[in-house]
Amino acid sequence: MRQGPTGARGGPGRGALADAETGKPLIGANLWLPDTPIGAATDLWGRYDIRGVPVGTHAVRVGYVGYEEVTVAVVVRPGATTTAYVRLRPSGTLDCVIGCGVRSG
């Protein structure tokens, strides 16, 4: 992540995440700036609103279970809304964890 010289905050980041093949929204997908606490999750329509991103050029990670994780370069300018629409491709593989429990007594 590269930050502007004064550490100034940019405007909000908005956009949406969708399936690259169907165009359907990805509900609960995540976007984050690596090595920072800044991130967001998409809503029921695949839309997100992320705030507090410093002015500058950033690599934003985007991920969702069952889809390939991608990195998107965004440029955040002072006072401007940054918009990014991302389409994720299904990964073709899904790791599964099965839990088992036994009740006693």
C-alpha atoms as a PDB file:
ATOM      1  CA  MET A   1       0.000   0.000   0.000  1.00  0.00           C
ATOM      2  CA  ARG A   2       1.246   3.448  -0.865  1.00  0.00           C
ATOM      3  CA  GLN A   3      -0.057   6.436   1.014  1.00  0.00           C
ATOM      4  CA  GLY A   4      -0.212  10.090   0.019  1.00  0.00           C
ATOM      5  CA  PRO A   5       2.447  12.399   1.486  1.00  0.00           C
ATOM      6  CA  THR A   6       0.190  13.832   4.187  1.00  0.00           C
ATOM      7  CA  GLY A   7      -1.680  10.635   5.052  1.00  0.00           C
ATOM      8  CA  ALA A   8      -4.878  12.364   3.932  1.00  0.00           C
ATOM      9  CA  ARG A   9      -8.040  10.330   3.733  1.00  0.00           C
ATOM     10  CA  GLY A  10      -9.772   9.932   0.428  1.00  0.00           C
ATOM     11  CA  GLY A  11     -13.460   9.825  -0.294  1.00  0.00           C
ATOM     12  CA  PRO A  12     -15.478   6.645   0.124  1.00  0.00           C
ATOM     13  CA  GLY A  13     -14.967   3.560  -2.009  1.00  0.00           C
ATOM     14  CA  ARG A  14     -18.065   2.009  -3.528  1.00  0.00           C
ATOM     15  CA  GLY A  15     -18.900  -0.678  -6.018  1.00  0.00           C
ATOM     16  CA  ALA A  16     -20.123  -4.235  -6.351  1.00  0.00           C
ATOM     17  CA  LEU A  17     -18.859  -7.800  -6.667  1.00  0.00           C
ATOM     18  CA  ALA A  18     -20.455 -10.365  -8.960  1.00  0.00           C
ATOM     19  CA  ASP A  19     -19.945 -13.839 -10.384  1.00  0.00           C
ATOM     20  CA  ALA A  20     -17.984 -13.520 -13.651  1.00  0.00           C
ATOM     21  CA  GLU A  21     -20.032 -16.233 -15.367  1.00  0.00           C
ATOM     22  CA  THR A  22     -23.582 -15.467 -14.233  1.00  0.00           C
ATOM     23  CA  GLY A  23     -23.390 -11.797 -13.234  1.00  0.00           C
ATOM     24  CA  LYS A  24     -25.183 -12.627  -9.984  1.00  0.00           C
ATOM     25  CA  PRO A  25     -24.150 -10.595  -6.910  1.00  0.00           C
ATOM     26  CA  LEU A  26     -21.778 -12.158  -4.379  1.00  0.00           C
ATOM     27  CA  ILE A  27     -23.350 -11.715  -0.957  1.00  0.00           C
ATOM     28  CA  GLY A  28     -20.883 -11.455   1.924  1.00  0.00           C
ATOM     29  CA  ALA A  29     -17.745 -11.264  -0.242  1.00  0.00           C
ATOM     30  CA  ASN A  30     -14.790  -9.477   1.338  1.00  0.00           C
ATOM     31  CA  LEU A  31     -12.533  -6.611   0.248  1.00  0.00           C
ATOM     32  CA  TRP A  32      -9.529  -5.518   2.280  1.00  0.00           C
ATOM     33  CA  LEU A  33      -6.270  -3.634   2.189  1.00  0.00           C
ATOM     34  CA  PRO A  34      -3.587  -6.152   3.212  1.00  0.00           C
ATOM     35  CA  ASP A  35      -1.651  -5.334   6.384  1.00  0.00           C
ATOM     36  CA  THR A  36      -4.309  -2.828   7.545  1.00  0.00           C
ATOM     37  CA  PRO A  37      -7.582  -3.072   9.477  1.00  0.00           C
ATOM     38  CA  ILE A  38      -9.415  -1.486   6.508  1.00  0.00           C
ATOM     39  CA  GLY A  39     -11.986  -3.651   4.758  1.00  0.00           C
ATOM     40  CA  ALA A  40     -15.642  -4.292   3.984  1.00  0.00           C
ATOM     41  CA  ALA A  41     -18.120  -7.018   3.092  1.00  0.00           C
ATOM     42  CA  THR A  42     -20.757  -6.905   0.381  1.00  0.00           C
ATOM     43  CA  ASP A  43     -24.468  -6.610   1.148  1.00  0.00           C
ATOM     44  CA  LEU A  44     -27.450  -8.573  -0.209  1.00  0.00           C
ATOM     45  CA  TRP A  45     -26.996  -6.954  -3.630  1.00  0.00           C
ATOM     46  CA  GLY A  46     -23.228  -7.527  -3.799  1.00  0.00           C
ATOM     47  CA  ARG A  47     -22.528  -3.851  -3.092  1.00  0.00           C
ATOM     48  CA  TYR A  48     -19.893  -2.522  -0.731  1.00  0.00           C
ATOM     49  CA  ASP A  49     -18.988   0.767   0.918  1.00  0.00           C
ATOM     50  CA  ILE A  50     -15.467   1.100   2.309  1.00  0.00           C
ATOM     51  CA  ARG A  51     -14.201   4.144   4.198  1.00  0.00           C
ATOM     52  CA  GLY A  52     -10.970   5.356   5.737  1.00  0.00           C
ATOM     53  CA  VAL A  53      -8.694   4.506   2.815  1.00  0.00           C
ATOM     54  CA  PRO A  54      -5.728   6.900   2.588  1.00  0.00           C
ATOM     55  CA  VAL A  55      -5.126   8.910  -0.571  1.00  0.00           C
ATOM     56  CA  GLY A  56      -2.817   7.059  -2.947  1.00  0.00           C
ATOM     57  CA  THR A  57      -2.577   3.887  -5.024  1.00  0.00           C
ATOM     58  CA  HIS A  58      -3.529   0.655  -3.286  1.00  0.00           C
ATOM     59  CA  ALA A  59      -3.707  -3.063  -3.977  1.00  0.00           C
ATOM     60  CA  VAL A  60      -7.116  -4.205  -2.728  1.00  0.00           C
ATOM     61  CA  ARG A  61      -7.671  -7.940  -2.173  1.00  0.00           C
ATOM     62  CA  VAL A  62     -11.074  -9.379  -3.042  1.00  0.00           C
ATOM     63  CA  GLY A  63     -12.200 -12.831  -1.935  1.00  0.00           C
ATOM     64  CA  TYR A  64     -15.218 -15.079  -1.599  1.00  0.00           C
ATOM     65  CA  VAL A  65     -15.556 -18.755  -0.660  1.00  0.00           C
ATOM     66  CA  GLY A  66     -15.445 -20.938  -3.776  1.00  0.00           C
ATOM     67  CA  TYR A  67     -14.020 -18.163  -5.976  1.00  0.00           C
ATOM     68  CA  GLU A  68     -10.520 -17.162  -7.052  1.00  0.00           C
ATOM     69  CA  GLU A  69      -9.081 -14.398  -4.892  1.00  0.00           C
ATOM     70  CA  VAL A  70      -7.924 -11.364  -6.890  1.00  0.00           C
ATOM     71  CA  THR A  71      -5.987  -8.160  -6.316  1.00  0.00           C
ATOM     72  CA  VAL A  72      -7.343  -4.954  -7.814  1.00  0.00           C
ATOM     73  CA  ALA A  73      -5.310  -1.735  -8.113  1.00  0.00           C
ATOM     74  CA  VAL A  74      -7.262   1.376  -7.117  1.00  0.00           C
ATOM     75  CA  VAL A  75      -6.323   5.042  -6.997  1.00  0.00           C
ATOM     76  CA  VAL A  76      -7.880   7.031  -4.147  1.00  0.00           C
ATOM     77  CA  ARG A  77      -8.050  10.803  -4.590  1.00  0.00           C
ATOM     78  CA  PRO A  78      -8.863  13.401  -1.899  1.00  0.00           C
ATOM     79  CA  GLY A  79     -12.593  14.012  -1.559  1.00  0.00           C
ATOM     80  CA  ALA A  80     -13.538  11.832  -4.552  1.00  0.00           C
ATOM     81  CA  THR A  81     -15.580   8.636  -4.518  1.00  0.00           C
ATOM     82  CA  THR A  82     -13.546   5.695  -5.808  1.00  0.00           C
ATOM     83  CA  THR A  83     -15.647   3.127  -7.665  1.00  0.00           C
ATOM     84  CA  ALA A  84     -14.689  -0.440  -8.547  1.00  0.00           C
ATOM     85  CA  TYR A  85     -16.851  -3.231  -9.925  1.00  0.00           C
ATOM     86  CA  VAL A  86     -15.216  -6.651  -9.715  1.00  0.00           C
ATOM     87  CA  ARG A  87     -16.268 -10.006 -11.179  1.00  0.00           C
ATOM     88  CA  LEU A  88     -14.821 -13.112  -9.564  1.00  0.00           C
ATOM     89  CA  ARG A  89     -14.413 -16.468 -11.286  1.00  0.00           C
ATOM     90  CA  PRO A  90     -15.417 -19.696  -9.534  1.00  0.00           C
ATOM     91  CA  SER A  91     -12.287 -21.540  -8.388  1.00  0.00           C
ATOM     92  CA  GLY A  92     -13.515 -24.974  -9.410  1.00  0.00           C
ATOM     93  CA  THR A  93     -12.386 -26.375  -6.065  1.00  0.00           C
ATOM     94  CA  LEU A  94     -13.850 -26.046  -2.637  1.00  0.00           C
ATOM     95  CA  ASP A  95     -12.127 -27.382   0.449  1.00  0.00           C
ATOM     96  CA  CYS A  96     -14.515 -28.886   2.931  1.00  0.00           C
ATOM     97  CA  VAL A  97     -14.198 -29.437   6.659  1.00  0.00           C
ATOM     98  CA  ILE A  98     -16.557 -31.866   8.337  1.00  0.00           C
ATOM     99  CA  GLY A  99     -17.064 -31.678  12.069  1.00  0.00           C
ATOM    100  CA  CYS A 100     -18.329 -34.518  14.217  1.00  0.00           C
ATOM    101  CA  GLY A 101     -19.382 -34.492  17.827  1.00  0.00           C
ATOM    102  CA  VAL A 102     -20.648 -36.942  20.407  1.00  0.00           C
ATOM    103  CA  ARG A 103     -22.997 -35.998  23.199  1.00  0.00           C
ATOM    104  CA  SER A 104     -22.569 -37.827  26.459  1.00  0.00           C
ATOM    105  CA  GLY A 105     -24.676 -37.897  29.578  1.00  0.00           C
END
